[in-house]
Amino acid sequence: MYATNVRNLKRNPSAALRHAELEPVLILKGNEPNAMLFNLKTSLGDINEQLKPALAASLFKDRVLSLGAAAKNQRFKPVRIYRSLNPVGYRFSGG
């Protein structure tokens, strides 16, 4: 999932639209998720599949679930959650 902030969206809306053709775009206000941008040609089933890693990442980031539990909840490997968090600058701490 591609993530951008409001400033970058205003500066280059075409980039967000290009990304939305491939996957949902998460729009951040400050460092918090604020909105999603979807391409209208994308089926709801595809959008659902693309949002699962983001949902799991959010549950992990907000400390609702552990990384393993969030991955198990969405039925995929923890590395998929990591890939969802990496573009928005989330840093994993060791230990």
PDB file of N, CA and C in Angstrom:
ATOM      1  N   MET A   1       0.838  -1.174   0.000  1.00  0.00           N
ATOM      2  CA  MET A   1       0.000   0.000   0.000  1.00  0.00           C
ATOM      3  C   MET A   1       0.881   1.233   0.000  1.00  0.00           C
ATOM      4  N   TYR A   2       0.546   2.165  -0.839  1.00  0.00           N
ATOM      5  CA  TYR A   2       1.270   3.428  -0.944  1.00  0.00           C
ATOM      6  C   TYR A   2       0.691   4.404   0.080  1.00  0.00           C
ATOM      7  N   ALA A   3       1.542   5.176   0.715  1.00  0.00           N
ATOM      8  CA  ALA A   3       1.099   6.180   1.676  1.00  0.00           C
ATOM      9  C   ALA A   3       1.705   7.528   1.301  1.00  0.00           C
ATOM     10  N   THR A   4       0.921   8.562   1.477  1.00  0.00           N
ATOM     11  CA  THR A   4       1.404   9.914   1.234  1.00  0.00           C
ATOM     12  C   THR A   4       0.745  10.839   2.248  1.00  0.00           C
ATOM     13  N   ASN A   5       1.328  12.008   2.432  1.00  0.00           N
ATOM     14  CA  ASN A   5       0.706  12.967   3.349  1.00  0.00           C
ATOM     15  C   ASN A   5      -0.016  14.046   2.544  1.00  0.00           C
ATOM     16  N   VAL A   6      -0.763  14.876   3.229  1.00  0.00           N
ATOM     17  CA  VAL A   6      -1.579  15.894   2.568  1.00  0.00           C
ATOM     18  C   VAL A   6      -0.705  16.863   1.766  1.00  0.00           C
ATOM     19  N   ARG A   7       0.437  17.227   2.322  1.00  0.00           N
ATOM     20  CA  ARG A   7       1.330  18.166   1.628  1.00  0.00           C
ATOM     21  C   ARG A   7       1.772  17.591   0.274  1.00  0.00           C
ATOM     22  N   ASN A   8       2.217  16.329   0.279  1.00  0.00           N
ATOM     23  CA  ASN A   8       2.648  15.710  -0.980  1.00  0.00           C
ATOM     24  C   ASN A   8       1.474  15.499  -1.930  1.00  0.00           C
ATOM     25  N   LEU A   9       0.303  15.218  -1.384  1.00  0.00           N
ATOM     26  CA  LEU A   9      -0.887  15.052  -2.222  1.00  0.00           C
ATOM     27  C   LEU A   9      -1.219  16.361  -2.939  1.00  0.00           C
ATOM     28  N   LYS A  10      -1.130  17.482  -2.227  1.00  0.00           N
ATOM     29  CA  LYS A  10      -1.384  18.781  -2.845  1.00  0.00           C
ATOM     30  C   LYS A  10      -0.321  19.113  -3.889  1.00  0.00           C
ATOM     31  N   ARG A  11       0.914  18.758  -3.574  1.00  0.00           N
ATOM     32  CA  ARG A  11       2.042  19.060  -4.458  1.00  0.00           C
ATOM     33  C   ARG A  11       1.998  18.231  -5.750  1.00  0.00           C
ATOM     34  N   ASN A  12       1.599  16.957  -5.625  1.00  0.00           N
ATOM     35  CA  ASN A  12       1.633  16.073  -6.785  1.00  0.00           C
ATOM     36  C   ASN A  12       0.463  15.079  -6.741  1.00  0.00           C
ATOM     37  N   PRO A  13      -0.749  15.540  -6.997  1.00  0.00           N
ATOM     38  CA  PRO A  13      -1.899  14.630  -6.945  1.00  0.00           C
ATOM     39  C   PRO A  13      -1.831  13.534  -8.007  1.00  0.00           C
ATOM     40  N   SER A  14      -1.164  13.797  -9.128  1.00  0.00           N
ATOM     41  CA  SER A  14      -1.062  12.786 -10.185  1.00  0.00           C
ATOM     42  C   SER A  14      -0.320  11.542  -9.710  1.00  0.00           C
ATOM     43  N   ALA A  15       0.679  11.715  -8.847  1.00  0.00           N
ATOM     44  CA  ALA A  15       1.422  10.554  -8.330  1.00  0.00           C
ATOM     45  C   ALA A  15       0.484   9.665  -7.515  1.00  0.00           C
ATOM     46  N   ALA A  16      -0.340  10.263  -6.681  1.00  0.00           N
ATOM     47  CA  ALA A  16      -1.281   9.482  -5.878  1.00  0.00           C
ATOM     48  C   ALA A  16      -2.289   8.762  -6.772  1.00  0.00           C
ATOM     49  N   LEU A  17      -2.747   9.427  -7.815  1.00  0.00           N
ATOM     50  CA  LEU A  17      -3.690   8.795  -8.737  1.00  0.00           C
ATOM     51  C   LEU A  17      -3.051   7.629  -9.490  1.00  0.00           C
ATOM     52  N   ARG A  18      -1.783   7.780  -9.872  1.00  0.00           N
ATOM     53  CA  ARG A  18      -1.076   6.679 -10.544  1.00  0.00           C
ATOM     54  C   ARG A  18      -0.945   5.482  -9.609  1.00  0.00           C
ATOM     55  N   HIS A  19      -0.590   5.745  -8.354  1.00  0.00           N
ATOM     56  CA  HIS A  19      -0.476   4.657  -7.376  1.00  0.00           C
ATOM     57  C   HIS A  19      -1.830   4.008  -7.119  1.00  0.00           C
ATOM     58  N   ALA A  20      -2.892   4.811  -7.116  1.00  0.00           N
ATOM     59  CA  ALA A  20      -4.237   4.278  -6.850  1.00  0.00           C
ATOM     60  C   ALA A  20      -4.696   3.327  -7.950  1.00  0.00           C
ATOM     61  N   GLU A  21      -4.109   3.423  -9.130  1.00  0.00           N
ATOM     62  CA  GLU A  21      -4.446   2.477 -10.192  1.00  0.00           C
ATOM     63  C   GLU A  21      -3.954   1.074  -9.855  1.00  0.00           C
ATOM     64  N   LEU A  22      -2.931   0.979  -8.996  1.00  0.00           N
ATOM     65  CA  LEU A  22      -2.334  -0.308  -8.637  1.00  0.00           C
ATOM     66  C   LEU A  22      -2.797  -0.822  -7.280  1.00  0.00           C
ATOM     67  N   GLU A  23      -3.006   0.092  -6.342  1.00  0.00           N
ATOM     68  CA  GLU A  23      -3.347  -0.291  -4.971  1.00  0.00           C
ATOM     69  C   GLU A  23      -3.944   0.915  -4.251  1.00  0.00           C
ATOM     70  N   PRO A  24      -4.651   0.688  -3.142  1.00  0.00           N
ATOM     71  CA  PRO A  24      -5.198   1.820  -2.383  1.00  0.00           C
ATOM     72  C   PRO A  24      -4.074   2.737  -1.887  1.00  0.00           C
ATOM     73  N   VAL A  25      -4.371   4.015  -1.779  1.00  0.00           N
ATOM     74  CA  VAL A  25      -3.414   5.003  -1.299  1.00  0.00           C
ATOM     75  C   VAL A  25      -3.896   5.503   0.061  1.00  0.00           C
ATOM     76  N   LEU A  26      -3.048   5.388   1.051  1.00  0.00           N
ATOM     77  CA  LEU A  26      -3.343   5.877   2.391  1.00  0.00           C
ATOM     78  C   LEU A  26      -2.873   7.321   2.472  1.00  0.00           C
ATOM     79  N   ILE A  27      -3.755   8.214   2.882  1.00  0.00           N
ATOM     80  CA  ILE A  27      -3.420   9.626   3.003  1.00  0.00           C
ATOM     81  C   ILE A  27      -3.309   9.958   4.485  1.00  0.00           C
ATOM     82  N   LEU A  28      -2.147  10.483   4.853  1.00  0.00           N
ATOM     83  CA  LEU A  28      -1.866  10.810   6.249  1.00  0.00           C
ATOM     84  C   LEU A  28      -2.029  12.302   6.479  1.00  0.00           C
ATOM     85  N   LYS A  29      -2.572  12.646   7.626  1.00  0.00           N
ATOM     86  CA  LYS A  29      -2.637  14.041   8.075  1.00  0.00           C
ATOM     87  C   LYS A  29      -1.784  14.085   9.329  1.00  0.00           C
ATOM     88  N   GLY A  30      -0.656  14.764   9.245  1.00  0.00           N
ATOM     89  CA  GLY A  30       0.349  14.620  10.297  1.00  0.00           C
ATOM     90  C   GLY A  30       0.948  13.238  10.113  1.00  0.00           C
ATOM     91  N   ASN A  31       0.971  12.448  11.135  1.00  0.00           N
ATOM     92  CA  ASN A  31       1.436  11.066  11.026  1.00  0.00           C
ATOM     93  C   ASN A  31       0.305  10.070  11.220  1.00  0.00           C
ATOM     94  N   GLU A  32      -0.922  10.543  11.166  1.00  0.00           N
ATOM     95  CA  GLU A  32      -2.072   9.684  11.397  1.00  0.00           C
ATOM     96  C   GLU A  32      -2.838   9.418  10.108  1.00  0.00           C
ATOM     97  N   PRO A  33      -3.285   8.179   9.881  1.00  0.00           N
ATOM     98  CA  PRO A  33      -4.120   7.890   8.716  1.00  0.00           C
ATOM     99  C   PRO A  33      -5.385   8.742   8.744  1.00  0.00           C
ATOM    100  N   ASN A  34      -5.723   9.330   7.597  1.00  0.00           N
ATOM    101  CA  ASN A  34      -6.882  10.206   7.543  1.00  0.00           C
ATOM    102  C   ASN A  34      -7.883   9.797   6.476  1.00  0.00           C
ATOM    103  N   ALA A  35      -7.393   9.271   5.345  1.00  0.00           N
ATOM    104  CA  ALA A  35      -8.290   8.919   4.242  1.00  0.00           C
ATOM    105  C   ALA A  35      -7.637   7.868   3.361  1.00  0.00           C
ATOM    106  N   MET A  36      -8.468   7.270   2.504  1.00  0.00           N
ATOM    107  CA  MET A  36      -7.989   6.292   1.530  1.00  0.00           C
ATOM    108  C   MET A  36      -8.439   6.741   0.148  1.00  0.00           C
ATOM    109  N   LEU A  37      -7.587   6.504  -0.829  1.00  0.00           N
ATOM    110  CA  LEU A  37      -7.899   6.816  -2.215  1.00  0.00           C
ATOM    111  C   LEU A  37      -7.924   5.509  -2.988  1.00  0.00           C
ATOM    112  N   PHE A  38      -9.038   5.240  -3.681  1.00  0.00           N
ATOM    113  CA  PHE A  38      -9.212   4.012  -4.450  1.00  0.00           C
ATOM    114  C   PHE A  38      -9.486   4.356  -5.907  1.00  0.00           C
ATOM    115  N   ASN A  39      -9.025   3.515  -6.797  1.00  0.00           N
ATOM    116  CA  ASN A  39      -9.370   3.635  -8.207  1.00  0.00           C
ATOM    117  C   ASN A  39     -10.751   3.007  -8.393  1.00  0.00           C
ATOM    118  N   LEU A  40     -11.628   3.688  -9.072  1.00  0.00           N
ATOM    119  CA  LEU A  40     -12.999   3.202  -9.228  1.00  0.00           C
ATOM    120  C   LEU A  40     -13.103   1.964 -10.114  1.00  0.00           C
ATOM    121  N   LYS A  41     -12.058   1.645 -10.852  1.00  0.00           N
ATOM    122  CA  LYS A  41     -12.067   0.446 -11.683  1.00  0.00           C
ATOM    123  C   LYS A  41     -11.684  -0.799 -10.894  1.00  0.00           C
ATOM    124  N   THR A  42     -11.227  -0.626  -9.683  1.00  0.00           N
ATOM    125  CA  THR A  42     -10.809  -1.750  -8.840  1.00  0.00           C
ATOM    126  C   THR A  42     -12.037  -2.381  -8.187  1.00  0.00           C
ATOM    127  N   SER A  43     -12.102  -3.699  -8.200  1.00  0.00           N
ATOM    128  CA  SER A  43     -13.250  -4.380  -7.585  1.00  0.00           C
ATOM    129  C   SER A  43     -13.162  -4.301  -6.068  1.00  0.00           C
ATOM    130  N   LEU A  44     -14.299  -4.395  -5.412  1.00  0.00           N
ATOM    131  CA  LEU A  44     -14.315  -4.359  -3.950  1.00  0.00           C
ATOM    132  C   LEU A  44     -13.561  -5.540  -3.356  1.00  0.00           C
ATOM    133  N   GLY A  45     -13.589  -6.686  -4.021  1.00  0.00           N
ATOM    134  CA  GLY A  45     -12.839  -7.847  -3.553  1.00  0.00           C
ATOM    135  C   GLY A  45     -11.349  -7.589  -3.568  1.00  0.00           C
ATOM    136  N   ASP A  46     -10.863  -6.939  -4.622  1.00  0.00           N
ATOM    137  CA  ASP A  46      -9.440  -6.596  -4.702  1.00  0.00           C
ATOM    138  C   ASP A  46      -9.061  -5.587  -3.625  1.00  0.00           C
ATOM    139  N   ILE A  47      -9.910  -4.603  -3.415  1.00  0.00           N
ATOM    140  CA  ILE A  47      -9.644  -3.593  -2.388  1.00  0.00           C
ATOM    141  C   ILE A  47      -9.581  -4.255  -1.013  1.00  0.00           C
ATOM    142  N   ASN A  48     -10.495  -5.167  -0.747  1.00  0.00           N
ATOM    143  CA  ASN A  48     -10.507  -5.884   0.526  1.00  0.00           C
ATOM    144  C   ASN A  48      -9.180  -6.615   0.747  1.00  0.00           C
ATOM    145  N   GLU A  49      -8.691  -7.312  -0.276  1.00  0.00           N
ATOM    146  CA  GLU A  49      -7.427  -8.045  -0.166  1.00  0.00           C
ATOM    147  C   GLU A  49      -6.247  -7.101   0.042  1.00  0.00           C
ATOM    148  N   GLN A  50      -6.281  -5.942  -0.586  1.00  0.00           N
ATOM    149  CA  GLN A  50      -5.196  -4.986  -0.470  1.00  0.00           C
ATOM    150  C   GLN A  50      -5.199  -4.283   0.885  1.00  0.00           C
ATOM    151  N   LEU A  51      -6.365  -4.194   1.513  1.00  0.00           N
ATOM    152  CA  LEU A  51      -6.454  -3.507   2.803  1.00  0.00           C
ATOM    153  C   LEU A  51      -6.090  -4.399   3.986  1.00  0.00           C
ATOM    154  N   LYS A  52      -6.124  -5.713   3.804  1.00  0.00           N
ATOM    155  CA  LYS A  52      -5.828  -6.611   4.920  1.00  0.00           C
ATOM    156  C   LYS A  52      -4.471  -6.349   5.564  1.00  0.00           C
ATOM    157  N   PRO A  53      -3.388  -6.179   4.793  1.00  0.00           N
ATOM    158  CA  PRO A  53      -2.108  -5.882   5.441  1.00  0.00           C
ATOM    159  C   PRO A  53      -2.127  -4.561   6.201  1.00  0.00           C
ATOM    160  N   ALA A  54      -2.837  -3.570   5.664  1.00  0.00           N
ATOM    161  CA  ALA A  54      -2.917  -2.274   6.340  1.00  0.00           C
ATOM    162  C   ALA A  54      -3.673  -2.385   7.661  1.00  0.00           C
ATOM    163  N   LEU A  55      -4.742  -3.159   7.662  1.00  0.00           N
ATOM    164  CA  LEU A  55      -5.498  -3.368   8.898  1.00  0.00           C
ATOM    165  C   LEU A  55      -4.637  -4.073   9.941  1.00  0.00           C
ATOM    166  N   ALA A  56      -3.953  -5.116   9.525  1.00  0.00           N
ATOM    167  CA  ALA A  56      -3.073  -5.846  10.452  1.00  0.00           C
ATOM    168  C   ALA A  56      -1.964  -4.933  10.961  1.00  0.00           C
ATOM    169  N   ALA A  57      -1.392  -4.124  10.071  1.00  0.00           N
ATOM    170  CA  ALA A  57      -0.332  -3.202  10.475  1.00  0.00           C
ATOM    171  C   ALA A  57      -0.842  -2.191  11.490  1.00  0.00           C
ATOM    172  N   SER A  58      -2.053  -1.708  11.261  1.00  0.00           N
ATOM    173  CA  SER A  58      -2.639  -0.749  12.193  1.00  0.00           C
ATOM    174  C   SER A  58      -2.884  -1.376  13.569  1.00  0.00           C
ATOM    175  N   LEU A  59      -3.386  -2.599  13.583  1.00  0.00           N
ATOM    176  CA  LEU A  59      -3.610  -3.287  14.859  1.00  0.00           C
ATOM    177  C   LEU A  59      -2.297  -3.503  15.608  1.00  0.00           C
ATOM    178  N   PHE A  60      -1.237  -3.812  14.874  1.00  0.00           N
ATOM    179  CA  PHE A  60       0.076  -3.986  15.493  1.00  0.00           C
ATOM    180  C   PHE A  60       0.640  -2.653  15.968  1.00  0.00           C
ATOM    181  N   LYS A  61       0.602  -1.637  15.109  1.00  0.00           N
ATOM    182  CA  LYS A  61       1.168  -0.329  15.432  1.00  0.00           C
ATOM    183  C   LYS A  61       0.492   0.290  16.644  1.00  0.00           C
ATOM    184  N   ASP A  62      -0.814   0.099  16.750  1.00  0.00           N
ATOM    185  CA  ASP A  62      -1.562   0.657  17.884  1.00  0.00           C
ATOM    186  C   ASP A  62      -1.491  -0.228  19.125  1.00  0.00           C
ATOM    187  N   ARG A  63      -0.689  -1.292  19.042  1.00  0.00           N
ATOM    188  CA  ARG A  63      -0.450  -2.214  20.147  1.00  0.00           C
ATOM    189  C   ARG A  63      -1.708  -2.938  20.615  1.00  0.00           C
ATOM    190  N   VAL A  64      -2.638  -3.125  19.676  1.00  0.00           N
ATOM    191  CA  VAL A  64      -3.831  -3.907  19.972  1.00  0.00           C
ATOM    192  C   VAL A  64      -3.489  -5.388  19.903  1.00  0.00           C
ATOM    193  N   LEU A  65      -2.656  -5.752  18.916  1.00  0.00           N
ATOM    194  CA  LEU A  65      -2.223  -7.134  18.738  1.00  0.00           C
ATOM    195  C   LEU A  65      -0.715  -7.184  18.538  1.00  0.00           C
ATOM    196  N   SER A  66      -0.119  -8.312  18.890  1.00  0.00           N
ATOM    197  CA  SER A  66       1.295  -8.512  18.586  1.00  0.00           C
ATOM    198  C   SER A  66       1.446  -8.694  17.077  1.00  0.00           C
ATOM    199  N   LEU A  67       2.676  -8.614  16.592  1.00  0.00           N
ATOM    200  CA  LEU A  67       2.923  -8.796  15.167  1.00  0.00           C
ATOM    201  C   LEU A  67       2.417 -10.162  14.694  1.00  0.00           C
ATOM    202  N   GLY A  68       2.740 -11.201  15.449  1.00  0.00           N
ATOM    203  CA  GLY A  68       2.297 -12.549  15.085  1.00  0.00           C
ATOM    204  C   GLY A  68       0.791 -12.694  15.107  1.00  0.00           C
ATOM    205  N   ALA A  69       0.147 -12.118  16.135  1.00  0.00           N
ATOM    206  CA  ALA A  69      -1.314 -12.213  16.244  1.00  0.00           C
ATOM    207  C   ALA A  69      -2.002 -11.429  15.137  1.00  0.00           C
ATOM    208  N   ALA A  70      -1.462 -10.268  14.797  1.00  0.00           N
ATOM    209  CA  ALA A  70      -2.053  -9.470  13.717  1.00  0.00           C
ATOM    210  C   ALA A  70      -1.943 -10.211  12.386  1.00  0.00           C
ATOM    211  N   ALA A  71      -0.796 -10.838  12.155  1.00  0.00           N
ATOM    212  CA  ALA A  71      -0.613 -11.608  10.921  1.00  0.00           C
ATOM    213  C   ALA A  71      -1.544 -12.812  10.892  1.00  0.00           C
ATOM    214  N   LYS A  72      -1.640 -13.510  12.016  1.00  0.00           N
ATOM    215  CA  LYS A  72      -2.518 -14.685  12.080  1.00  0.00           C
ATOM    216  C   LYS A  72      -3.976 -14.279  11.871  1.00  0.00           C
ATOM    217  N   ASN A  73      -4.358 -13.139  12.441  1.00  0.00           N
ATOM    218  CA  ASN A  73      -5.718 -12.632  12.310  1.00  0.00           C
ATOM    219  C   ASN A  73      -6.096 -12.411  10.846  1.00  0.00           C
ATOM    220  N   GLN A  74      -5.145 -11.974  10.049  1.00  0.00           N
ATOM    221  CA  GLN A  74      -5.407 -11.710   8.631  1.00  0.00           C
ATOM    222  C   GLN A  74      -4.937 -12.842   7.725  1.00  0.00           C
ATOM    223  N   ARG A  75      -4.416 -13.917   8.333  1.00  0.00           N
ATOM    224  CA  ARG A  75      -3.997 -15.133   7.616  1.00  0.00           C
ATOM    225  C   ARG A  75      -2.868 -14.908   6.614  1.00  0.00           C
ATOM    226  N   PHE A  76      -1.816 -14.217   7.074  1.00  0.00           N
ATOM    227  CA  PHE A  76      -0.618 -14.115   6.258  1.00  0.00           C
ATOM    228  C   PHE A  76       0.613 -13.941   7.128  1.00  0.00           C
ATOM    229  N   LYS A  77       1.788 -13.920   6.517  1.00  0.00           N
ATOM    230  CA  LYS A  77       3.056 -13.879   7.237  1.00  0.00           C
ATOM    231  C   LYS A  77       3.334 -12.478   7.776  1.00  0.00           C
ATOM    232  N   PRO A  78       4.025 -12.389   8.937  1.00  0.00           N
ATOM    233  CA  PRO A  78       4.352 -11.077   9.524  1.00  0.00           C
ATOM    234  C   PRO A  78       5.107 -10.141   8.588  1.00  0.00           C
ATOM    235  N   VAL A  79       5.891 -10.679   7.653  1.00  0.00           N
ATOM    236  CA  VAL A  79       6.650  -9.813   6.750  1.00  0.00           C
ATOM    237  C   VAL A  79       5.724  -8.933   5.920  1.00  0.00           C
ATOM    238  N   ARG A  80       4.517  -9.373   5.669  1.00  0.00           N
ATOM    239  CA  ARG A  80       3.559  -8.571   4.908  1.00  0.00           C
ATOM    240  C   ARG A  80       3.133  -7.336   5.703  1.00  0.00           C
ATOM    241  N   ILE A  81       3.058  -7.471   7.017  1.00  0.00           N
ATOM    242  CA  ILE A  81       2.743  -6.318   7.868  1.00  0.00           C
ATOM    243  C   ILE A  81       3.910  -5.337   7.833  1.00  0.00           C
ATOM    244  N   TYR A  82       5.121  -5.880   7.920  1.00  0.00           N
ATOM    245  CA  TYR A  82       6.309  -5.029   7.870  1.00  0.00           C
ATOM    246  C   TYR A  82       6.325  -4.204   6.587  1.00  0.00           C
ATOM    247  N   ARG A  83       6.003  -4.818   5.470  1.00  0.00           N
ATOM    248  CA  ARG A  83       5.985  -4.102   4.186  1.00  0.00           C
ATOM    249  C   ARG A  83       4.935  -3.001   4.187  1.00  0.00           C
ATOM    250  N   SER A  84       3.838  -3.196   4.913  1.00  0.00           N
ATOM    251  CA  SER A  84       2.808  -2.160   4.996  1.00  0.00           C
ATOM    252  C   SER A  84       3.247  -0.997   5.863  1.00  0.00           C
ATOM    253  N   LEU A  85       4.049  -1.276   6.886  1.00  0.00           N
ATOM    254  CA  LEU A  85       4.498  -0.220   7.790  1.00  0.00           C
ATOM    255  C   LEU A  85       5.701   0.530   7.253  1.00  0.00           C
ATOM    256  N   ASN A  86       6.546  -0.123   6.503  1.00  0.00           N
ATOM    257  CA  ASN A  86       7.783   0.480   6.043  1.00  0.00           C
ATOM    258  C   ASN A  86       7.576   1.755   5.228  1.00  0.00           C
ATOM    259  N   PRO A  87       6.639   1.829   4.277  1.00  0.00           N
ATOM    260  CA  PRO A  87       6.471   3.049   3.492  1.00  0.00           C
ATOM    261  C   PRO A  87       6.032   4.255   4.311  1.00  0.00           C
ATOM    262  N   VAL A  88       5.415   4.054   5.457  1.00  0.00           N
ATOM    263  CA  VAL A  88       4.967   5.187   6.268  1.00  0.00           C
ATOM    264  C   VAL A  88       5.972   5.529   7.356  1.00  0.00           C
ATOM    265  N   GLY A  89       7.164   4.910   7.289  1.00  0.00           N
ATOM    266  CA  GLY A  89       8.245   5.288   8.178  1.00  0.00           C
ATOM    267  C   GLY A  89       8.218   4.664   9.551  1.00  0.00           C
ATOM    268  N   TYR A  90       7.481   3.597   9.742  1.00  0.00           N
ATOM    269  CA  TYR A  90       7.451   2.950  11.053  1.00  0.00           C
ATOM    270  C   TYR A  90       8.780   2.258  11.285  1.00  0.00           C
ATOM    271  N   ARG A  91       9.344   2.425  12.458  1.00  0.00           N
ATOM    272  CA  ARG A  91      10.625   1.798  12.787  1.00  0.00           C
ATOM    273  C   ARG A  91      10.396   0.734  13.849  1.00  0.00           C
ATOM    274  N   PHE A  92      10.881  -0.469  13.534  1.00  0.00           N
ATOM    275  CA  PHE A  92      10.810  -1.562  14.503  1.00  0.00           C
ATOM    276  C   PHE A  92      11.975  -1.412  15.461  1.00  0.00           C
ATOM    277  N   SER A  93      11.718  -1.610  16.750  1.00  0.00           N
ATOM    278  CA  SER A  93      12.808  -1.545  17.724  1.00  0.00           C
ATOM    279  C   SER A  93      13.188  -2.958  18.120  1.00  0.00           C
ATOM    280  N   GLY A  94      14.453  -3.168  18.346  1.00  0.00           N
ATOM    281  CA  GLY A  94      14.929  -4.495  18.743  1.00  0.00           C
ATOM    282  C   GLY A  94      14.633  -4.761  20.199  1.00  0.00           C
ATOM    283  N   GLY A  95      14.561  -6.057  20.537  1.00  0.00           N
ATOM    284  CA  GLY A  95      14.396  -6.451  21.930  1.00  0.00           C
ATOM    285  C   GLY A  95      13.011  -6.481  22.329  1.00  0.00           C
TER     286      GLY A  95
END
